[in-house]
Amino acid sequence: MITTIITGGSRGIGRSISKHLIKNKNHKIINLSKKGLNNHDNESFKTYKCNISNIDETKNLIEKICKNEKIDNVIFNAGITND
């Protein structure tokens, strides 16, 4: 099983990438989403609510995920603005 973390995988480009990857039955997606929306109807897709602009929150969640999962890929798709 190939496990990929995608930031911003709930909509837009991230959602398209997620849908493409989970067509492969050997792929599992872990989505990090600011709103925590899981809009994929697939057991190979799991969403965690995470504001990736908060470094401590992101670091703690990644450490928690890595205790239970072997991560093969990371796709940094979510944008961060300073406005």
PDB file of N, CA and C in Angstrom:
ATOM      1  N   MET A   1       0.850  -1.183   0.000  1.00  0.00           N
ATOM      2  CA  MET A   1       0.000   0.000   0.000  1.00  0.00           C
ATOM      3  C   MET A   1       0.893   1.242   0.000  1.00  0.00           C
ATOM      4  N   ILE A   2       0.636   2.131  -0.917  1.00  0.00           N
ATOM      5  CA  ILE A   2       1.357   3.407  -1.003  1.00  0.00           C
ATOM      6  C   ILE A   2       0.517   4.457  -0.306  1.00  0.00           C
ATOM      7  N   THR A   3       1.105   5.150   0.655  1.00  0.00           N
ATOM      8  CA  THR A   3       0.380   6.176   1.410  1.00  0.00           C
ATOM      9  C   THR A   3       0.947   7.546   1.072  1.00  0.00           C
ATOM     10  N   THR A   4       0.043   8.449   0.696  1.00  0.00           N
ATOM     11  CA  THR A   4       0.425   9.803   0.313  1.00  0.00           C
ATOM     12  C   THR A   4      -0.334  10.810   1.156  1.00  0.00           C
ATOM     13  N   ILE A   5       0.389  11.767   1.719  1.00  0.00           N
ATOM     14  CA  ILE A   5      -0.234  12.901   2.399  1.00  0.00           C
ATOM     15  C   ILE A   5      -0.388  14.012   1.364  1.00  0.00           C
ATOM     16  N   ILE A   6      -1.593  14.588   1.303  1.00  0.00           N
ATOM     17  CA  ILE A   6      -1.846  15.727   0.425  1.00  0.00           C
ATOM     18  C   ILE A   6      -2.412  16.860   1.273  1.00  0.00           C
ATOM     19  N   THR A   7      -1.795  18.027   1.180  1.00  0.00           N
ATOM     20  CA  THR A   7      -2.382  19.192   1.844  1.00  0.00           C
ATOM     21  C   THR A   7      -3.357  19.831   0.867  1.00  0.00           C
ATOM     22  N   GLY A   8      -4.520  20.200   1.375  1.00  0.00           N
ATOM     23  CA  GLY A   8      -5.531  20.815   0.520  1.00  0.00           C
ATOM     24  C   GLY A   8      -6.123  19.849  -0.488  1.00  0.00           C
ATOM     25  N   GLY A   9      -6.337  18.609  -0.085  1.00  0.00           N
ATOM     26  CA  GLY A   9      -6.849  17.589  -1.006  1.00  0.00           C
ATOM     27  C   GLY A   9      -8.353  17.499  -1.075  1.00  0.00           C
ATOM     28  N   SER A  10      -9.067  18.432  -0.451  1.00  0.00           N
ATOM     29  CA  SER A  10     -10.532  18.367  -0.428  1.00  0.00           C
ATOM     30  C   SER A  10     -11.193  19.019  -1.627  1.00  0.00           C
ATOM     31  N   ARG A  11     -10.478  19.927  -2.276  1.00  0.00           N
ATOM     32  CA  ARG A  11     -11.105  20.614  -3.414  1.00  0.00           C
ATOM     33  C   ARG A  11     -10.042  21.053  -4.409  1.00  0.00           C
ATOM     34  N   GLY A  12     -10.504  21.489  -5.558  1.00  0.00           N
ATOM     35  CA  GLY A  12      -9.604  22.001  -6.581  1.00  0.00           C
ATOM     36  C   GLY A  12      -8.603  20.983  -7.090  1.00  0.00           C
ATOM     37  N   ILE A  13      -7.387  21.461  -7.300  1.00  0.00           N
ATOM     38  CA  ILE A  13      -6.314  20.607  -7.826  1.00  0.00           C
ATOM     39  C   ILE A  13      -6.025  19.441  -6.882  1.00  0.00           C
ATOM     40  N   GLY A  14      -6.008  19.704  -5.580  1.00  0.00           N
ATOM     41  CA  GLY A  14      -5.742  18.649  -4.607  1.00  0.00           C
ATOM     42  C   GLY A  14      -6.757  17.526  -4.674  1.00  0.00           C
ATOM     43  N   ARG A  15      -8.025  17.884  -4.847  1.00  0.00           N
ATOM     44  CA  ARG A  15      -9.073  16.861  -4.973  1.00  0.00           C
ATOM     45  C   ARG A  15      -8.863  16.045  -6.250  1.00  0.00           C
ATOM     46  N   SER A  16      -8.528  16.713  -7.335  1.00  0.00           N
ATOM     47  CA  SER A  16      -8.284  15.998  -8.594  1.00  0.00           C
ATOM     48  C   SER A  16      -7.114  15.026  -8.472  1.00  0.00           C
ATOM     49  N   ILE A  17      -6.049  15.475  -7.811  1.00  0.00           N
ATOM     50  CA  ILE A  17      -4.893  14.588  -7.596  1.00  0.00           C
ATOM     51  C   ILE A  17      -5.312  13.391  -6.747  1.00  0.00           C
ATOM     52  N   SER A  18      -6.052  13.655  -5.673  1.00  0.00           N
ATOM     53  CA  SER A  18      -6.513  12.575  -4.789  1.00  0.00           C
ATOM     54  C   SER A  18      -7.355  11.558  -5.547  1.00  0.00           C
ATOM     55  N   LYS A  19      -8.313  12.042  -6.326  1.00  0.00           N
ATOM     56  CA  LYS A  19      -9.184  11.142  -7.090  1.00  0.00           C
ATOM     57  C   LYS A  19      -8.369  10.300  -8.071  1.00  0.00           C
ATOM     58  N   HIS A  20      -7.379  10.905  -8.692  1.00  0.00           N
ATOM     59  CA  HIS A  20      -6.530  10.173  -9.638  1.00  0.00           C
ATOM     60  C   HIS A  20      -5.747   9.070  -8.913  1.00  0.00           C
ATOM     61  N   LEU A  21      -5.164   9.405  -7.767  1.00  0.00           N
ATOM     62  CA  LEU A  21      -4.344   8.429  -7.047  1.00  0.00           C
ATOM     63  C   LEU A  21      -5.155   7.279  -6.477  1.00  0.00           C
ATOM     64  N   ILE A  22      -6.355   7.558  -5.952  1.00  0.00           N
ATOM     65  CA  ILE A  22      -7.108   6.466  -5.332  1.00  0.00           C
ATOM     66  C   ILE A  22      -7.801   5.567  -6.347  1.00  0.00           C
ATOM     67  N   LYS A  23      -7.720   5.911  -7.631  1.00  0.00           N
ATOM     68  CA  LYS A  23      -8.175   4.974  -8.661  1.00  0.00           C
ATOM     69  C   LYS A  23      -7.299   3.732  -8.629  1.00  0.00           C
ATOM     70  N   ASN A  24      -6.034   3.929  -8.231  1.00  0.00           N
ATOM     71  CA  ASN A  24      -5.108   2.821  -8.055  1.00  0.00           C
ATOM     72  C   ASN A  24      -5.455   2.173  -6.715  1.00  0.00           C
ATOM     73  N   LYS A  25      -5.909   0.962  -6.745  1.00  0.00           N
ATOM     74  CA  LYS A  25      -6.372   0.271  -5.524  1.00  0.00           C
ATOM     75  C   LYS A  25      -5.266   0.102  -4.481  1.00  0.00           C
ATOM     76  N   ASN A  26      -4.035   0.359  -4.876  1.00  0.00           N
ATOM     77  CA  ASN A  26      -2.896   0.201  -3.972  1.00  0.00           C
ATOM     78  C   ASN A  26      -2.488   1.539  -3.344  1.00  0.00           C
ATOM     79  N   HIS A  27      -3.375   2.539  -3.380  1.00  0.00           N
ATOM     80  CA  HIS A  27      -3.038   3.867  -2.883  1.00  0.00           C
ATOM     81  C   HIS A  27      -3.976   4.300  -1.766  1.00  0.00           C
ATOM     82  N   LYS A  28      -3.401   4.887  -0.735  1.00  0.00           N
ATOM     83  CA  LYS A  28      -4.166   5.453   0.374  1.00  0.00           C
ATOM     84  C   LYS A  28      -3.793   6.930   0.482  1.00  0.00           C
ATOM     85  N   ILE A  29      -4.804   7.790   0.633  1.00  0.00           N
ATOM     86  CA  ILE A  29      -4.589   9.228   0.711  1.00  0.00           C
ATOM     87  C   ILE A  29      -4.902   9.713   2.120  1.00  0.00           C
ATOM     88  N   ILE A  30      -4.002  10.515   2.676  1.00  0.00           N
ATOM     89  CA  ILE A  30      -4.244  11.215   3.934  1.00  0.00           C
ATOM     90  C   ILE A  30      -4.269  12.697   3.585  1.00  0.00           C
ATOM     91  N   ASN A  31      -5.444  13.289   3.737  1.00  0.00           N
ATOM     92  CA  ASN A  31      -5.659  14.682   3.385  1.00  0.00           C
ATOM     93  C   ASN A  31      -5.553  15.549   4.633  1.00  0.00           C
ATOM     94  N   LEU A  32      -4.766  16.619   4.559  1.00  0.00           N
ATOM     95  CA  LEU A  32      -4.719  17.612   5.621  1.00  0.00           C
ATOM     96  C   LEU A  32      -5.479  18.826   5.122  1.00  0.00           C
ATOM     97  N   SER A  33      -6.592  19.129   5.789  1.00  0.00           N
ATOM     98  CA  SER A  33      -7.493  20.170   5.313  1.00  0.00           C
ATOM     99  C   SER A  33      -7.830  21.136   6.439  1.00  0.00           C
ATOM    100  N   LYS A  34      -7.788  22.411   6.137  1.00  0.00           N
ATOM    101  CA  LYS A  34      -8.095  23.435   7.124  1.00  0.00           C
ATOM    102  C   LYS A  34      -9.509  23.278   7.679  1.00  0.00           C
ATOM    103  N   LYS A  35     -10.435  22.873   6.824  1.00  0.00           N
ATOM    104  CA  LYS A  35     -11.832  22.716   7.242  1.00  0.00           C
ATOM    105  C   LYS A  35     -12.169  21.283   7.642  1.00  0.00           C
ATOM    106  N   GLY A  36     -11.284  20.356   7.363  1.00  0.00           N
ATOM    107  CA  GLY A  36     -11.517  18.968   7.740  1.00  0.00           C
ATOM    108  C   GLY A  36     -12.603  18.288   6.931  1.00  0.00           C
ATOM    109  N   LEU A  37     -12.842  18.758   5.716  1.00  0.00           N
ATOM    110  CA  LEU A  37     -13.896  18.192   4.877  1.00  0.00           C
ATOM    111  C   LEU A  37     -13.415  16.927   4.180  1.00  0.00           C
ATOM    112  N   ASN A  38     -14.181  15.872   4.320  1.00  0.00           N
ATOM    113  CA  ASN A  38     -13.889  14.635   3.595  1.00  0.00           C
ATOM    114  C   ASN A  38     -14.965  14.467   2.542  1.00  0.00           C
ATOM    115  N   ASN A  39     -14.724  14.975   1.357  1.00  0.00           N
ATOM    116  CA  ASN A  39     -15.726  14.906   0.301  1.00  0.00           C
ATOM    117  C   ASN A  39     -15.416  13.824  -0.728  1.00  0.00           C
ATOM    118  N   HIS A  40     -14.705  12.802  -0.309  1.00  0.00           N
ATOM    119  CA  HIS A  40     -14.447  11.638  -1.156  1.00  0.00           C
ATOM    120  C   HIS A  40     -15.194  10.458  -0.548  1.00  0.00           C
ATOM    121  N   ASP A  41     -15.892   9.738  -1.357  1.00  0.00           N
ATOM    122  CA  ASP A  41     -16.618   8.559  -0.890  1.00  0.00           C
ATOM    123  C   ASP A  41     -15.764   7.325  -1.152  1.00  0.00           C
ATOM    124  N   ASN A  42     -14.680   7.218  -0.372  1.00  0.00           N
ATOM    125  CA  ASN A  42     -13.741   6.131  -0.603  1.00  0.00           C
ATOM    126  C   ASN A  42     -13.037   5.819   0.709  1.00  0.00           C
ATOM    127  N   GLU A  43     -12.973   4.555   1.058  1.00  0.00           N
ATOM    128  CA  GLU A  43     -12.330   4.169   2.320  1.00  0.00           C
ATOM    129  C   GLU A  43     -10.819   4.355   2.294  1.00  0.00           C
ATOM    130  N   SER A  44     -10.246   4.568   1.118  1.00  0.00           N
ATOM    131  CA  SER A  44      -8.808   4.801   1.002  1.00  0.00           C
ATOM    132  C   SER A  44      -8.443   6.270   1.157  1.00  0.00           C
ATOM    133  N   PHE A  45      -9.408   7.089   1.538  1.00  0.00           N
ATOM    134  CA  PHE A  45      -9.195   8.528   1.681  1.00  0.00           C
ATOM    135  C   PHE A  45      -9.585   8.937   3.094  1.00  0.00           C
ATOM    136  N   LYS A  46      -8.627   9.491   3.833  1.00  0.00           N
ATOM    137  CA  LYS A  46      -8.882   9.914   5.208  1.00  0.00           C
ATOM    138  C   LYS A  46      -8.484  11.374   5.355  1.00  0.00           C
ATOM    139  N   THR A  47      -9.323  12.148   6.038  1.00  0.00           N
ATOM    140  CA  THR A  47      -9.056  13.572   6.217  1.00  0.00           C
ATOM    141  C   THR A  47      -8.804  13.902   7.675  1.00  0.00           C
ATOM    142  N   TYR A  48      -7.799  14.723   7.904  1.00  0.00           N
ATOM    143  CA  TYR A  48      -7.521  15.280   9.224  1.00  0.00           C
ATOM    144  C   TYR A  48      -7.645  16.794   9.120  1.00  0.00           C
ATOM    145  N   LYS A  49      -8.292  17.389  10.095  1.00  0.00           N
ATOM    146  CA  LYS A  49      -8.389  18.840  10.138  1.00  0.00           C
ATOM    147  C   LYS A  49      -7.058  19.392  10.630  1.00  0.00           C
ATOM    148  N   CYS A  50      -6.474  20.286   9.837  1.00  0.00           N
ATOM    149  CA  CYS A  50      -5.171  20.835  10.177  1.00  0.00           C
ATOM    150  C   CYS A  50      -4.955  22.152   9.449  1.00  0.00           C
ATOM    151  N   ASN A  51      -4.574  23.165  10.175  1.00  0.00           N
ATOM    152  CA  ASN A  51      -4.206  24.437   9.583  1.00  0.00           C
ATOM    153  C   ASN A  51      -2.701  24.400   9.344  1.00  0.00           C
ATOM    154  N   ILE A  52      -2.285  24.154   8.106  1.00  0.00           N
ATOM    155  CA  ILE A  52      -0.857  23.950   7.848  1.00  0.00           C
ATOM    156  C   ILE A  52      -0.031  25.215   8.023  1.00  0.00           C
ATOM    157  N   SER A  53      -0.679  26.369   8.156  1.00  0.00           N
ATOM    158  CA  SER A  53       0.095  27.587   8.435  1.00  0.00           C
ATOM    159  C   SER A  53       0.515  27.649   9.903  1.00  0.00           C
ATOM    160  N   ASN A  54      -0.044  26.765  10.726  1.00  0.00           N
ATOM    161  CA  ASN A  54       0.349  26.638  12.126  1.00  0.00           C
ATOM    162  C   ASN A  54       1.373  25.499  12.209  1.00  0.00           C
ATOM    163  N   ILE A  55       2.630  25.863  12.310  1.00  0.00           N
ATOM    164  CA  ILE A  55       3.713  24.871  12.248  1.00  0.00           C
ATOM    165  C   ILE A  55       3.613  23.835  13.367  1.00  0.00           C
ATOM    166  N   ASP A  56       3.322  24.271  14.589  1.00  0.00           N
ATOM    167  CA  ASP A  56       3.236  23.317  15.703  1.00  0.00           C
ATOM    168  C   ASP A  56       2.093  22.333  15.511  1.00  0.00           C
ATOM    169  N   GLU A  57       0.934  22.832  15.091  1.00  0.00           N
ATOM    170  CA  GLU A  57      -0.217  21.957  14.847  1.00  0.00           C
ATOM    171  C   GLU A  57       0.103  20.927  13.765  1.00  0.00           C
ATOM    172  N   THR A  58       0.723  21.383  12.697  1.00  0.00           N
ATOM    173  CA  THR A  58       1.068  20.493  11.588  1.00  0.00           C
ATOM    174  C   THR A  58       2.100  19.455  12.013  1.00  0.00           C
ATOM    175  N   LYS A  59       3.130  19.895  12.705  1.00  0.00           N
ATOM    176  CA  LYS A  59       4.187  18.981  13.172  1.00  0.00           C
ATOM    177  C   LYS A  59       3.613  17.905  14.087  1.00  0.00           C
ATOM    178  N   ASN A  60       2.758  18.319  15.035  1.00  0.00           N
ATOM    179  CA  ASN A  60       2.166  17.356  15.966  1.00  0.00           C
ATOM    180  C   ASN A  60       1.289  16.334  15.250  1.00  0.00           C
ATOM    181  N   LEU A  61       0.508  16.790  14.279  1.00  0.00           N
ATOM    182  CA  LEU A  61      -0.357  15.870  13.544  1.00  0.00           C
ATOM    183  C   LEU A  61       0.464  14.907  12.693  1.00  0.00           C
ATOM    184  N   ILE A  62       1.481  15.414  12.003  1.00  0.00           N
ATOM    185  CA  ILE A  62       2.333  14.542  11.177  1.00  0.00           C
ATOM    186  C   ILE A  62       3.007  13.483  12.052  1.00  0.00           C
ATOM    187  N   GLU A  63       3.493  13.875  13.218  1.00  0.00           N
ATOM    188  CA  GLU A  63       4.116  12.904  14.127  1.00  0.00           C
ATOM    189  C   GLU A  63       3.106  11.842  14.553  1.00  0.00           C
ATOM    190  N   LYS A  64       1.880  12.251  14.836  1.00  0.00           N
ATOM    191  CA  LYS A  64       0.825  11.304  15.229  1.00  0.00           C
ATOM    192  C   LYS A  64       0.521  10.338  14.082  1.00  0.00           C
ATOM    193  N   ILE A  65       0.396  10.865  12.879  1.00  0.00           N
ATOM    194  CA  ILE A  65       0.112  10.022  11.714  1.00  0.00           C
ATOM    195  C   ILE A  65       1.251   9.031  11.481  1.00  0.00           C
ATOM    196  N   CYS A  66       2.484   9.498  11.595  1.00  0.00           N
ATOM    197  CA  CYS A  66       3.649   8.646  11.326  1.00  0.00           C
ATOM    198  C   CYS A  66       3.810   7.517  12.331  1.00  0.00           C
ATOM    199  N   LYS A  67       3.196   7.629  13.492  1.00  0.00           N
ATOM    200  CA  LYS A  67       3.239   6.530  14.465  1.00  0.00           C
ATOM    201  C   LYS A  67       2.436   5.327  13.975  1.00  0.00           C
ATOM    202  N   ASN A  68       1.431   5.592  13.127  1.00  0.00           N
ATOM    203  CA  ASN A  68       0.536   4.528  12.666  1.00  0.00           C
ATOM    204  C   ASN A  68       0.638   4.223  11.177  1.00  0.00           C
ATOM    205  N   GLU A  69       1.310   5.063  10.432  1.00  0.00           N
ATOM    206  CA  GLU A  69       1.367   4.920   8.976  1.00  0.00           C
ATOM    207  C   GLU A  69       2.793   5.066   8.475  1.00  0.00           C
ATOM    208  N   LYS A  70       3.105   4.331   7.429  1.00  0.00           N
ATOM    209  CA  LYS A  70       4.352   4.551   6.698  1.00  0.00           C
ATOM    210  C   LYS A  70       4.000   5.508   5.559  1.00  0.00           C
ATOM    211  N   ILE A  71       4.596   6.679   5.558  1.00  0.00           N
ATOM    212  CA  ILE A  71       4.307   7.690   4.546  1.00  0.00           C
ATOM    213  C   ILE A  71       5.304   7.550   3.399  1.00  0.00           C
ATOM    214  N   ASP A  72       4.781   7.387   2.191  1.00  0.00           N
ATOM    215  CA  ASP A  72       5.629   7.227   1.014  1.00  0.00           C
ATOM    216  C   ASP A  72       5.826   8.527   0.244  1.00  0.00           C
ATOM    217  N   ASN A  73       4.803   9.370   0.215  1.00  0.00           N
ATOM    218  CA  ASN A  73       4.847  10.604  -0.563  1.00  0.00           C
ATOM    219  C   ASN A  73       4.141  11.721   0.184  1.00  0.00           C
ATOM    220  N   VAL A  74       4.565  12.952  -0.094  1.00  0.00           N
ATOM    221  CA  VAL A  74       3.875  14.138   0.419  1.00  0.00           C
ATOM    222  C   VAL A  74       3.703  15.100  -0.750  1.00  0.00           C
ATOM    223  N   ILE A  75       2.473  15.572  -0.940  1.00  0.00           N
ATOM    224  CA  ILE A  75       2.174  16.562  -1.975  1.00  0.00           C
ATOM    225  C   ILE A  75       1.701  17.819  -1.261  1.00  0.00           C
ATOM    226  N   PHE A  76       2.513  18.873  -1.343  1.00  0.00           N
ATOM    227  CA  PHE A  76       2.164  20.146  -0.735  1.00  0.00           C
ATOM    228  C   PHE A  76       1.352  20.955  -1.744  1.00  0.00           C
ATOM    229  N   ASN A  77       0.036  20.900  -1.579  1.00  0.00           N
ATOM    230  CA  ASN A  77      -0.868  21.543  -2.529  1.00  0.00           C
ATOM    231  C   ASN A  77      -1.531  22.791  -1.950  1.00  0.00           C
ATOM    232  N   ALA A  78      -1.744  22.841  -0.649  1.00  0.00           N
ATOM    233  CA  ALA A  78      -2.457  23.956  -0.038  1.00  0.00           C
ATOM    234  C   ALA A  78      -1.605  25.217  -0.082  1.00  0.00           C
ATOM    235  N   GLY A  79      -2.252  26.323  -0.369  1.00  0.00           N
ATOM    236  CA  GLY A  79      -1.566  27.603  -0.372  1.00  0.00           C
ATOM    237  C   GLY A  79      -1.679  28.288   0.969  1.00  0.00           C
ATOM    238  N   ILE A  80      -0.654  29.030   1.341  1.00  0.00           N
ATOM    239  CA  ILE A  80      -0.657  29.790   2.585  1.00  0.00           C
ATOM    240  C   ILE A  80      -0.443  31.243   2.223  1.00  0.00           C
ATOM    241  N   THR A  81      -1.303  32.101   2.751  1.00  0.00           N
ATOM    242  CA  THR A  81      -1.149  33.528   2.513  1.00  0.00           C
ATOM    243  C   THR A  81      -0.926  34.247   3.841  1.00  0.00           C
ATOM    244  N   ASN A  82      -0.339  35.388   3.778  1.00  0.00           N
ATOM    245  CA  ASN A  82      -0.081  36.181   4.981  1.00  0.00           C
ATOM    246  C   ASN A  82      -0.962  37.433   4.998  1.00  0.00           C
ATOM    247  N   ASP A  83      -2.200  37.310   4.569  1.00  0.00           N
ATOM    248  CA  ASP A  83      -3.068  38.489   4.549  1.00  0.00           C
ATOM    249  C   ASP A  83      -4.062  38.515   5.676  1.00  0.00           C
TER     250      ASP A  83
END
